[in-house]
Amino acid sequence: MWRITTLTSAKARKIQELREARGYSVDELGHRLGVDGATVRRWEADEEEVGEGALPQLANTLGVSQDALRHAGDEAHHSER
């Protein structure tokens, strides 16, 4: 079965937004994290979750808390109630 996703998750958008705000290319962020650029692209395309092992370094590199990445988009969900 084909999986077609036109909307990315809030977490995926947040990663891309933070990366771009810091002026990192996909490949540069990947290098800083010890993964390849394709992995970062998959995170940003919401095709792969950031593993718990990579999350601390990703958060640190992007200058946010791990919880901020884990719960990106939660505020939108809660404000709709």
Protein backbone atom coordinates (compact mmCIF):
# COMPACT_ATOMS: atom_id res chain seq x y z
CA MET A 1 0.00 0.00 0.00
CA TRP A 2 1.27 3.47 -0.87
CA ARG A 3 1.61 6.09 1.81
CA ILE A 4 1.16 9.60 0.47
CA THR A 5 1.65 12.36 2.98
CA THR A 6 1.11 15.94 2.01
CA LEU A 7 1.18 17.40 5.50
CA THR A 8 4.12 16.96 7.82
CA SER A 9 3.83 16.71 11.56
CA ALA A 10 4.45 19.70 13.78
CA LYS A 11 7.63 18.01 15.03
CA ALA A 12 8.99 17.61 11.50
CA ARG A 13 8.18 21.25 10.68
CA LYS A 14 9.77 22.39 13.95
CA ILE A 15 13.03 20.59 13.18
CA GLN A 16 13.18 22.21 9.74
CA GLU A 17 12.25 25.64 11.12
CA LEU A 18 14.92 25.49 13.84
CA ARG A 19 17.56 24.19 11.43
CA GLU A 20 16.89 26.98 8.96
CA ALA A 21 16.81 29.62 11.72
CA ARG A 22 20.33 28.57 12.71
CA GLY A 23 21.53 28.65 9.13
CA TYR A 24 22.36 24.94 8.91
CA SER A 25 21.96 22.99 5.71
CA VAL A 26 20.46 19.53 5.99
CA ASP A 27 23.91 18.04 5.43
CA GLU A 28 25.56 20.32 7.99
CA LEU A 29 23.04 19.42 10.68
CA GLY A 30 23.49 15.76 9.85
CA HIS A 31 27.26 16.11 10.14
CA ARG A 32 26.94 17.81 13.54
CA LEU A 33 24.74 14.92 14.71
CA GLY A 34 26.79 12.11 13.19
CA VAL A 35 24.07 11.10 10.72
CA ASP A 36 23.81 11.67 7.01
CA GLY A 37 21.76 14.41 5.41
CA ALA A 38 19.28 11.84 4.12
CA THR A 39 18.35 11.00 7.71
CA VAL A 40 17.65 14.66 8.50
CA ARG A 41 15.59 14.91 5.30
CA ARG A 42 13.51 11.92 6.41
CA TRP A 43 12.93 13.55 9.82
CA GLU A 44 11.81 16.77 8.16
CA ALA A 45 9.59 14.92 5.67
CA ASP A 46 8.02 13.01 8.58
CA GLU A 47 9.15 9.72 7.04
CA GLU A 48 11.20 8.70 10.08
CA GLU A 49 11.04 9.53 13.77
CA VAL A 50 14.05 10.97 15.54
CA GLY A 51 15.36 8.18 17.75
CA GLU A 52 15.59 8.72 21.49
CA GLY A 53 19.37 8.32 21.18
CA ALA A 54 19.64 11.23 18.73
CA LEU A 55 17.10 13.48 20.43
CA PRO A 56 19.37 14.97 23.14
CA GLN A 57 22.06 15.99 20.66
CA LEU A 58 19.49 17.28 18.16
CA ALA A 59 17.82 19.42 20.82
CA ASN A 60 21.16 20.74 22.04
CA THR A 61 22.36 21.54 18.53
CA LEU A 62 19.11 23.35 17.73
CA GLY A 63 19.11 25.20 21.06
CA VAL A 64 15.84 23.84 22.45
CA SER A 65 14.82 21.36 25.11
CA GLN A 66 14.11 17.75 24.28
CA ASP A 67 10.54 18.28 25.49
CA ALA A 68 10.12 21.17 23.05
CA LEU A 69 10.88 18.76 20.20
CA ARG A 70 8.92 15.83 21.64
CA HIS A 71 5.81 17.95 22.14
CA ALA A 72 6.00 20.28 19.14
CA GLY A 73 2.45 20.98 18.05
CA ASP A 74 0.87 20.04 21.37
CA GLU A 75 0.01 23.68 22.05
CA ALA A 76 -2.06 23.84 18.85
CA HIS A 77 -3.89 20.69 19.85
CA HIS A 78 -4.63 22.02 23.32
CA SER A 79 -5.74 25.44 22.13
CA GLU A 80 -8.46 23.89 19.96
CA ARG A 81 -10.29 22.60 23.02
